[in-house]
Amino acid sequence: MTDPAPFDPPALMPGQLLARGVCRHLRQHDFATLEEFVPDRGLRVDVMALGPRGEVWIVECKSSRADFTSDAKWQGYLDWSDRYFWAVDEDFPTDLLPEGTGLIIADAYDAEILRMGPETKLPAARRKVLTRKFARTAAQRLHLFRDPKPGTI
């Protein structure tokens, strides 16, 4: 039997590179993260982070002015987290970002929280549903990583 071909990961888009740096940084603070998480129908957040005390953060990664100005759904994410952040690179015009939101400066390798997003506690029932969905999504993704073609022999 021959060795399988080496895995060649796809090239990441600029926002995905920011998300990678954000996830690496949050891991240092004992957060578990999922990229491109769907908390509810019609919503897809760039990074959902679950903290060691069950806190839920959402981070939206914006790679350019156009990327930010084309995002009309971000306020719908506020009801799905305890804290909300924008992640941008060091060249992004941060004066565009709304007051009352968190700010993270990131690159593909790390990040730094410059402004903590205000805390708005999730209702207990929503936290429970969201935490369960986070866990199931993480487990399903891990399974697909280990078995990318389930159902085949």
N, C-alpha and C. Protein backbone atom coordinates (compact mmCIF):
# COMPACT_ATOMS: atom_id res chain seq x y z
N MET A 1 0.84 -1.18 0.00
CA MET A 1 0.00 0.00 0.00
C MET A 1 0.89 1.24 0.00
N THR A 2 0.53 2.21 -0.80
CA THR A 2 1.34 3.43 -0.89
C THR A 2 0.88 4.45 0.14
N ASP A 3 1.79 5.33 0.49
CA ASP A 3 1.44 6.40 1.41
C ASP A 3 0.50 7.37 0.72
N PRO A 4 -0.48 7.89 1.47
CA PRO A 4 -1.37 8.89 0.86
C PRO A 4 -0.58 10.15 0.51
N ALA A 5 -1.11 10.90 -0.44
CA ALA A 5 -0.47 12.16 -0.82
C ALA A 5 -0.44 13.09 0.39
N PRO A 6 0.62 13.87 0.53
CA PRO A 6 0.68 14.80 1.67
C PRO A 6 -0.45 15.82 1.57
N PHE A 7 -0.97 16.20 2.72
CA PHE A 7 -2.07 17.17 2.78
C PHE A 7 -1.53 18.55 2.43
N ASP A 8 -2.12 19.17 1.45
CA ASP A 8 -1.74 20.51 1.04
C ASP A 8 -2.90 21.44 1.38
N PRO A 9 -2.81 22.15 2.49
CA PRO A 9 -3.94 22.98 2.90
C PRO A 9 -4.22 24.08 1.88
N PRO A 10 -5.50 24.43 1.73
CA PRO A 10 -5.82 25.50 0.78
C PRO A 10 -5.29 26.84 1.27
N ALA A 11 -5.05 27.73 0.33
CA ALA A 11 -4.60 29.08 0.69
C ALA A 11 -5.72 29.78 1.47
N LEU A 12 -5.34 30.49 2.50
CA LEU A 12 -6.32 31.18 3.33
C LEU A 12 -6.54 32.60 2.82
N MET A 13 -7.77 33.05 2.91
CA MET A 13 -8.14 34.41 2.54
C MET A 13 -7.69 35.36 3.66
N PRO A 14 -7.58 36.67 3.39
CA PRO A 14 -7.10 37.60 4.42
C PRO A 14 -7.90 37.55 5.73
N GLY A 15 -9.21 37.47 5.66
CA GLY A 15 -10.01 37.38 6.88
C GLY A 15 -9.76 36.10 7.65
N GLN A 16 -9.50 35.00 6.92
CA GLN A 16 -9.20 33.74 7.57
C GLN A 16 -7.84 33.78 8.27
N LEU A 17 -6.90 34.50 7.68
CA LEU A 17 -5.59 34.66 8.33
C LEU A 17 -5.74 35.45 9.63
N LEU A 18 -6.56 36.49 9.62
CA LEU A 18 -6.84 37.24 10.85
C LEU A 18 -7.48 36.32 11.89
N ALA A 19 -8.44 35.53 11.46
CA ALA A 19 -9.13 34.61 12.37
C ALA A 19 -8.14 33.63 13.00
N ARG A 20 -7.18 33.16 12.21
CA ARG A 20 -6.18 32.23 12.75
C ARG A 20 -5.38 32.89 13.87
N GLY A 21 -4.93 34.13 13.64
CA GLY A 21 -4.20 34.84 14.67
C GLY A 21 -5.05 35.09 15.92
N VAL A 22 -6.31 35.44 15.72
CA VAL A 22 -7.23 35.65 16.85
C VAL A 22 -7.39 34.35 17.65
N CYS A 23 -7.61 33.25 16.96
CA CYS A 23 -7.79 31.96 17.65
C CYS A 23 -6.54 31.57 18.42
N ARG A 24 -5.38 31.81 17.85
CA ARG A 24 -4.13 31.51 18.57
C ARG A 24 -4.03 32.34 19.84
N HIS A 25 -4.38 33.62 19.74
CA HIS A 25 -4.31 34.50 20.90
C HIS A 25 -5.31 34.07 21.98
N LEU A 26 -6.53 33.81 21.57
CA LEU A 26 -7.55 33.43 22.56
C LEU A 26 -7.22 32.10 23.23
N ARG A 27 -6.57 31.20 22.51
CA ARG A 27 -6.16 29.93 23.11
C ARG A 27 -5.21 30.18 24.29
N GLN A 28 -4.38 31.23 24.19
CA GLN A 28 -3.48 31.57 25.29
C GLN A 28 -4.23 32.01 26.54
N HIS A 29 -5.50 32.42 26.36
CA HIS A 29 -6.35 32.83 27.48
C HIS A 29 -7.36 31.75 27.85
N ASP A 30 -7.09 30.51 27.43
CA ASP A 30 -7.89 29.33 27.75
C ASP A 30 -9.28 29.35 27.11
N PHE A 31 -9.41 30.00 25.96
CA PHE A 31 -10.65 29.96 25.20
C PHE A 31 -10.57 28.86 24.16
N ALA A 32 -11.68 28.17 23.94
CA ALA A 32 -11.82 27.26 22.80
C ALA A 32 -12.49 28.06 21.70
N THR A 33 -12.06 27.87 20.46
CA THR A 33 -12.59 28.68 19.37
C THR A 33 -13.08 27.81 18.22
N LEU A 34 -14.07 28.34 17.52
CA LEU A 34 -14.54 27.76 16.27
C LEU A 34 -14.64 28.88 15.25
N GLU A 35 -14.14 28.63 14.07
CA GLU A 35 -14.27 29.60 12.99
C GLU A 35 -15.51 29.29 12.17
N GLU A 36 -16.09 30.33 11.59
CA GLU A 36 -17.26 30.21 10.73
C GLU A 36 -18.35 29.39 11.41
N PHE A 37 -18.74 29.84 12.58
CA PHE A 37 -19.75 29.18 13.41
C PHE A 37 -21.11 29.81 13.14
N VAL A 38 -22.15 28.99 13.08
CA VAL A 38 -23.51 29.47 12.83
C VAL A 38 -24.31 29.36 14.13
N PRO A 39 -24.48 30.48 14.85
CA PRO A 39 -25.25 30.42 16.10
C PRO A 39 -26.75 30.29 15.86
N ASP A 40 -27.23 30.79 14.72
CA ASP A 40 -28.65 30.74 14.39
C ASP A 40 -28.79 30.89 12.88
N ARG A 41 -29.94 30.52 12.36
CA ARG A 41 -30.16 30.64 10.91
C ARG A 41 -29.88 32.06 10.43
N GLY A 42 -29.18 32.15 9.32
CA GLY A 42 -28.89 33.44 8.71
C GLY A 42 -27.70 34.17 9.30
N LEU A 43 -27.06 33.59 10.31
CA LEU A 43 -25.89 34.20 10.94
C LEU A 43 -24.70 33.26 10.81
N ARG A 44 -23.55 33.82 10.48
CA ARG A 44 -22.30 33.05 10.45
C ARG A 44 -21.21 33.97 10.96
N VAL A 45 -20.71 33.66 12.15
CA VAL A 45 -19.68 34.51 12.74
C VAL A 45 -18.31 33.98 12.35
N ASP A 46 -17.34 34.90 12.27
CA ASP A 46 -15.99 34.49 11.90
C ASP A 46 -15.33 33.65 12.98
N VAL A 47 -15.45 34.09 14.24
CA VAL A 47 -14.89 33.34 15.37
C VAL A 47 -15.87 33.38 16.53
N MET A 48 -16.20 32.21 17.03
CA MET A 48 -16.95 32.09 18.29
C MET A 48 -15.97 31.51 19.29
N ALA A 49 -15.89 32.13 20.46
CA ALA A 49 -14.95 31.69 21.47
C ALA A 49 -15.70 31.37 22.76
N LEU A 50 -15.37 30.23 23.35
CA LEU A 50 -15.98 29.78 24.60
C LEU A 50 -14.90 29.79 25.67
N GLY A 51 -15.11 30.62 26.69
CA GLY A 51 -14.11 30.81 27.73
C GLY A 51 -14.17 29.78 28.84
N PRO A 52 -13.18 29.81 29.73
CA PRO A 52 -13.09 28.80 30.80
C PRO A 52 -14.23 28.87 31.81
N ARG A 53 -14.92 29.97 31.91
CA ARG A 53 -16.07 30.10 32.82
C ARG A 53 -17.40 30.10 32.05
N GLY A 54 -17.34 29.66 30.78
CA GLY A 54 -18.55 29.57 29.98
C GLY A 54 -18.91 30.84 29.24
N GLU A 55 -18.04 31.86 29.33
CA GLU A 55 -18.33 33.10 28.62
C GLU A 55 -18.22 32.89 27.11
N VAL A 56 -19.04 33.62 26.36
CA VAL A 56 -19.11 33.47 24.91
C VAL A 56 -18.74 34.80 24.27
N TRP A 57 -17.73 34.77 23.42
CA TRP A 57 -17.31 35.96 22.69
C TRP A 57 -17.48 35.70 21.20
N ILE A 58 -17.83 36.75 20.47
CA ILE A 58 -17.85 36.71 19.02
C ILE A 58 -16.83 37.70 18.51
N VAL A 59 -16.05 37.27 17.52
CA VAL A 59 -15.06 38.14 16.88
C VAL A 59 -15.32 38.13 15.38
N GLU A 60 -15.55 39.30 14.84
CA GLU A 60 -15.70 39.46 13.39
C GLU A 60 -14.40 40.01 12.83
N CYS A 61 -13.85 39.34 11.83
CA CYS A 61 -12.57 39.70 11.24
C CYS A 61 -12.79 40.47 9.95
N LYS A 62 -12.24 41.67 9.89
CA LYS A 62 -12.41 42.52 8.71
C LYS A 62 -11.04 42.84 8.14
N SER A 63 -10.87 42.47 6.87
CA SER A 63 -9.56 42.62 6.24
C SER A 63 -9.41 43.91 5.46
N SER A 64 -10.50 44.67 5.29
CA SER A 64 -10.42 45.91 4.52
C SER A 64 -11.63 46.79 4.83
N ARG A 65 -11.55 48.03 4.40
CA ARG A 65 -12.68 48.97 4.54
C ARG A 65 -13.91 48.40 3.82
N ALA A 66 -13.71 47.90 2.60
CA ALA A 66 -14.83 47.36 1.83
C ALA A 66 -15.46 46.16 2.53
N ASP A 67 -14.64 45.31 3.13
CA ASP A 67 -15.14 44.16 3.87
C ASP A 67 -16.02 44.64 5.03
N PHE A 68 -15.59 45.67 5.73
CA PHE A 68 -16.36 46.19 6.86
C PHE A 68 -17.65 46.85 6.40
N THR A 69 -17.57 47.72 5.40
CA THR A 69 -18.76 48.48 4.99
C THR A 69 -19.82 47.59 4.32
N SER A 70 -19.42 46.43 3.82
CA SER A 70 -20.39 45.53 3.20
C SER A 70 -21.08 44.62 4.22
N ASP A 71 -20.69 44.68 5.49
CA ASP A 71 -21.26 43.83 6.52
C ASP A 71 -22.46 44.53 7.16
N ALA A 72 -23.65 44.12 6.78
CA ALA A 72 -24.87 44.74 7.32
C ALA A 72 -25.49 43.91 8.44
N LYS A 73 -24.93 42.73 8.74
CA LYS A 73 -25.56 41.83 9.71
C LYS A 73 -24.92 41.84 11.09
N TRP A 74 -23.84 42.58 11.29
CA TRP A 74 -23.08 42.41 12.53
C TRP A 74 -23.89 42.70 13.78
N GLN A 75 -24.83 43.62 13.74
CA GLN A 75 -25.60 43.92 14.95
C GLN A 75 -26.47 42.75 15.38
N GLY A 76 -26.82 41.88 14.44
CA GLY A 76 -27.57 40.67 14.78
C GLY A 76 -26.76 39.69 15.60
N TYR A 77 -25.44 39.84 15.60
CA TYR A 77 -24.57 38.94 16.37
C TYR A 77 -24.53 39.31 17.86
N LEU A 78 -24.90 40.53 18.18
CA LEU A 78 -24.77 41.01 19.56
C LEU A 78 -25.61 40.19 20.55
N ASP A 79 -26.75 39.67 20.09
CA ASP A 79 -27.63 38.88 20.96
C ASP A 79 -27.11 37.47 21.19
N TRP A 80 -25.98 37.12 20.61
CA TRP A 80 -25.45 35.76 20.69
C TRP A 80 -24.12 35.67 21.41
N SER A 81 -23.74 36.72 22.13
CA SER A 81 -22.46 36.67 22.84
C SER A 81 -22.50 37.54 24.09
N ASP A 82 -21.55 37.27 24.98
CA ASP A 82 -21.36 38.11 26.17
C ASP A 82 -20.51 39.34 25.83
N ARG A 83 -19.61 39.19 24.85
CA ARG A 83 -18.77 40.29 24.39
C ARG A 83 -18.59 40.17 22.88
N TYR A 84 -18.53 41.32 22.21
CA TYR A 84 -18.38 41.37 20.76
C TYR A 84 -17.13 42.16 20.41
N PHE A 85 -16.35 41.64 19.46
CA PHE A 85 -15.09 42.26 19.05
C PHE A 85 -14.99 42.33 17.53
N TRP A 86 -14.26 43.34 17.07
CA TRP A 86 -13.77 43.39 15.70
C TRP A 86 -12.31 43.01 15.74
N ALA A 87 -11.86 42.25 14.76
CA ALA A 87 -10.43 41.97 14.59
C ALA A 87 -10.01 42.51 13.24
N VAL A 88 -8.99 43.34 13.25
CA VAL A 88 -8.48 43.98 12.03
C VAL A 88 -6.96 43.96 12.08
N ASP A 89 -6.34 44.24 10.93
CA ASP A 89 -4.88 44.32 10.95
C ASP A 89 -4.45 45.73 11.35
N GLU A 90 -3.15 45.92 11.52
CA GLU A 90 -2.65 47.18 12.04
C GLU A 90 -2.85 48.36 11.09
N ASP A 91 -3.10 48.11 9.81
CA ASP A 91 -3.31 49.18 8.83
C ASP A 91 -4.77 49.56 8.65
N PHE A 92 -5.67 48.84 9.30
CA PHE A 92 -7.10 49.11 9.14
C PHE A 92 -7.47 50.44 9.79
N PRO A 93 -8.32 51.25 9.16
CA PRO A 93 -8.76 52.53 9.76
C PRO A 93 -9.76 52.28 10.89
N THR A 94 -9.26 52.13 12.10
CA THR A 94 -10.11 51.73 13.23
C THR A 94 -11.16 52.76 13.60
N ASP A 95 -11.02 54.00 13.12
CA ASP A 95 -12.04 55.01 13.41
C ASP A 95 -13.37 54.65 12.74
N LEU A 96 -13.39 53.73 11.79
CA LEU A 96 -14.63 53.26 11.16
C LEU A 96 -15.45 52.37 12.10
N LEU A 97 -14.78 51.72 13.04
CA LEU A 97 -15.44 50.72 13.88
C LEU A 97 -16.33 51.40 14.92
N PRO A 98 -17.50 50.84 15.17
CA PRO A 98 -18.43 51.45 16.11
C PRO A 98 -17.89 51.49 17.54
N GLU A 99 -18.18 52.56 18.24
CA GLU A 99 -17.87 52.65 19.67
C GLU A 99 -18.71 51.60 20.39
N GLY A 100 -18.29 51.20 21.54
CA GLY A 100 -19.06 50.22 22.31
C GLY A 100 -18.88 48.79 21.83
N THR A 101 -17.82 48.55 21.06
CA THR A 101 -17.46 47.20 20.64
C THR A 101 -15.99 46.99 20.95
N GLY A 102 -15.60 45.73 21.07
CA GLY A 102 -14.21 45.42 21.34
C GLY A 102 -13.35 45.54 20.09
N LEU A 103 -12.04 45.68 20.31
CA LEU A 103 -11.10 45.82 19.20
C LEU A 103 -9.89 44.93 19.43
N ILE A 104 -9.60 44.13 18.43
CA ILE A 104 -8.44 43.25 18.43
C ILE A 104 -7.62 43.56 17.19
N ILE A 105 -6.32 43.78 17.37
CA ILE A 105 -5.40 43.93 16.25
C ILE A 105 -4.75 42.56 16.05
N ALA A 106 -4.82 42.07 14.81
CA ALA A 106 -4.36 40.70 14.56
C ALA A 106 -3.56 40.62 13.27
N ASP A 107 -2.81 39.54 13.16
CA ASP A 107 -2.22 39.13 11.90
C ASP A 107 -2.39 37.61 11.84
N ALA A 108 -1.74 36.97 10.92
CA ALA A 108 -1.94 35.54 10.73
C ALA A 108 -1.38 34.69 11.88
N TYR A 109 -0.58 35.30 12.75
CA TYR A 109 0.15 34.51 13.75
C TYR A 109 -0.23 34.80 15.19
N ASP A 110 -0.82 35.95 15.45
CA ASP A 110 -1.16 36.31 16.83
C ASP A 110 -2.10 37.51 16.80
N ALA A 111 -2.45 37.98 17.96
CA ALA A 111 -3.35 39.13 18.08
C ALA A 111 -3.14 39.79 19.43
N GLU A 112 -3.75 40.95 19.57
CA GLU A 112 -3.71 41.66 20.85
C GLU A 112 -5.05 42.37 21.03
N ILE A 113 -5.64 42.21 22.20
CA ILE A 113 -6.89 42.89 22.51
C ILE A 113 -6.54 44.31 22.94
N LEU A 114 -6.98 45.28 22.14
CA LEU A 114 -6.73 46.69 22.47
C LEU A 114 -7.86 47.30 23.27
N ARG A 115 -9.08 46.84 22.99
CA ARG A 115 -10.24 47.39 23.70
C ARG A 115 -11.19 46.23 23.98
N MET A 116 -11.50 46.04 25.25
CA MET A 116 -12.41 44.98 25.65
C MET A 116 -13.84 45.38 25.28
N GLY A 117 -14.55 44.48 24.64
CA GLY A 117 -15.96 44.74 24.34
C GLY A 117 -16.76 44.78 25.63
N PRO A 118 -17.79 45.63 25.70
CA PRO A 118 -18.60 45.67 26.91
C PRO A 118 -19.31 44.33 27.13
N GLU A 119 -19.50 43.98 28.40
CA GLU A 119 -20.13 42.71 28.72
C GLU A 119 -21.64 42.87 28.79
N THR A 120 -22.32 42.02 28.04
CA THR A 120 -23.77 41.91 28.07
C THR A 120 -24.07 40.43 28.21
N LYS A 121 -24.41 40.00 29.41
CA LYS A 121 -24.58 38.57 29.70
C LYS A 121 -25.72 37.96 28.89
N LEU A 122 -25.43 36.81 28.32
CA LEU A 122 -26.45 36.04 27.62
C LEU A 122 -27.47 35.50 28.61
N PRO A 123 -28.74 35.42 28.21
CA PRO A 123 -29.71 34.72 29.06
C PRO A 123 -29.30 33.26 29.21
N ALA A 124 -29.58 32.67 30.37
CA ALA A 124 -29.14 31.30 30.68
C ALA A 124 -29.62 30.29 29.64
N ALA A 125 -30.85 30.38 29.21
CA ALA A 125 -31.37 29.41 28.23
C ALA A 125 -30.62 29.51 26.91
N ARG A 126 -30.34 30.71 26.45
CA ARG A 126 -29.61 30.89 25.20
C ARG A 126 -28.17 30.40 25.35
N ARG A 127 -27.54 30.67 26.49
CA ARG A 127 -26.17 30.20 26.75
C ARG A 127 -26.12 28.67 26.67
N LYS A 128 -27.11 28.01 27.26
CA LYS A 128 -27.13 26.55 27.25
C LYS A 128 -27.24 26.01 25.83
N VAL A 129 -28.16 26.55 25.04
CA VAL A 129 -28.34 26.11 23.66
C VAL A 129 -27.07 26.38 22.85
N LEU A 130 -26.50 27.56 23.03
CA LEU A 130 -25.31 27.94 22.27
C LEU A 130 -24.10 27.08 22.65
N THR A 131 -23.93 26.81 23.93
CA THR A 131 -22.82 25.98 24.38
C THR A 131 -22.95 24.56 23.83
N ARG A 132 -24.16 24.03 23.84
CA ARG A 132 -24.39 22.69 23.29
C ARG A 132 -24.10 22.66 21.79
N LYS A 133 -24.55 23.67 21.08
CA LYS A 133 -24.31 23.73 19.64
C LYS A 133 -22.82 23.87 19.33
N PHE A 134 -22.13 24.67 20.14
CA PHE A 134 -20.68 24.83 20.00
C PHE A 134 -19.99 23.47 20.15
N ALA A 135 -20.35 22.73 21.20
CA ALA A 135 -19.73 21.43 21.47
C ALA A 135 -20.02 20.44 20.34
N ARG A 136 -21.24 20.38 19.89
CA ARG A 136 -21.61 19.45 18.81
C ARG A 136 -20.89 19.81 17.52
N THR A 137 -20.83 21.10 17.19
CA THR A 137 -20.14 21.52 15.98
C THR A 137 -18.67 21.16 16.04
N ALA A 138 -18.04 21.40 17.19
CA ALA A 138 -16.62 21.07 17.34
C ALA A 138 -16.41 19.56 17.19
N ALA A 139 -17.26 18.76 17.80
CA ALA A 139 -17.11 17.30 17.71
C ALA A 139 -17.32 16.82 16.27
N GLN A 140 -18.31 17.38 15.58
CA GLN A 140 -18.57 16.97 14.20
C GLN A 140 -17.39 17.35 13.29
N ARG A 141 -16.84 18.53 13.51
CA ARG A 141 -15.69 18.94 12.69
C ARG A 141 -14.48 18.05 12.95
N LEU A 142 -14.26 17.68 14.20
CA LEU A 142 -13.15 16.78 14.52
C LEU A 142 -13.36 15.43 13.85
N HIS A 143 -14.58 14.94 13.89
CA HIS A 143 -14.86 13.66 13.24
C HIS A 143 -14.59 13.74 11.74
N LEU A 144 -15.04 14.81 11.09
CA LEU A 144 -14.80 14.95 9.65
C LEU A 144 -13.32 15.11 9.32
N PHE A 145 -12.57 15.69 10.25
CA PHE A 145 -11.12 15.78 10.05
C PHE A 145 -10.50 14.38 10.06
N ARG A 146 -10.95 13.56 11.00
CA ARG A 146 -10.42 12.20 11.13
C ARG A 146 -10.96 11.27 10.08
N ASP A 147 -12.20 11.52 9.62
CA ASP A 147 -12.86 10.65 8.64
C ASP A 147 -13.55 11.53 7.61
N PRO A 148 -12.77 12.07 6.64
CA PRO A 148 -13.34 13.05 5.71
C PRO A 148 -14.37 12.49 4.75
N LYS A 149 -14.47 11.17 4.63
CA LYS A 149 -15.46 10.56 3.73
C LYS A 149 -16.26 9.52 4.49
N PRO A 150 -17.08 9.96 5.47
CA PRO A 150 -17.86 8.96 6.22
C PRO A 150 -18.83 8.24 5.30
N GLY A 151 -19.06 6.99 5.60
CA GLY A 151 -19.99 6.21 4.79
C GLY A 151 -19.33 5.47 3.64
N THR A 152 -18.02 5.67 3.45
CA THR A 152 -17.32 4.94 2.39
C THR A 152 -16.49 3.83 3.01
N ILE A 153 -16.25 2.83 2.24
CA ILE A 153 -15.46 1.68 2.75
C ILE A 153 -14.06 1.75 2.17
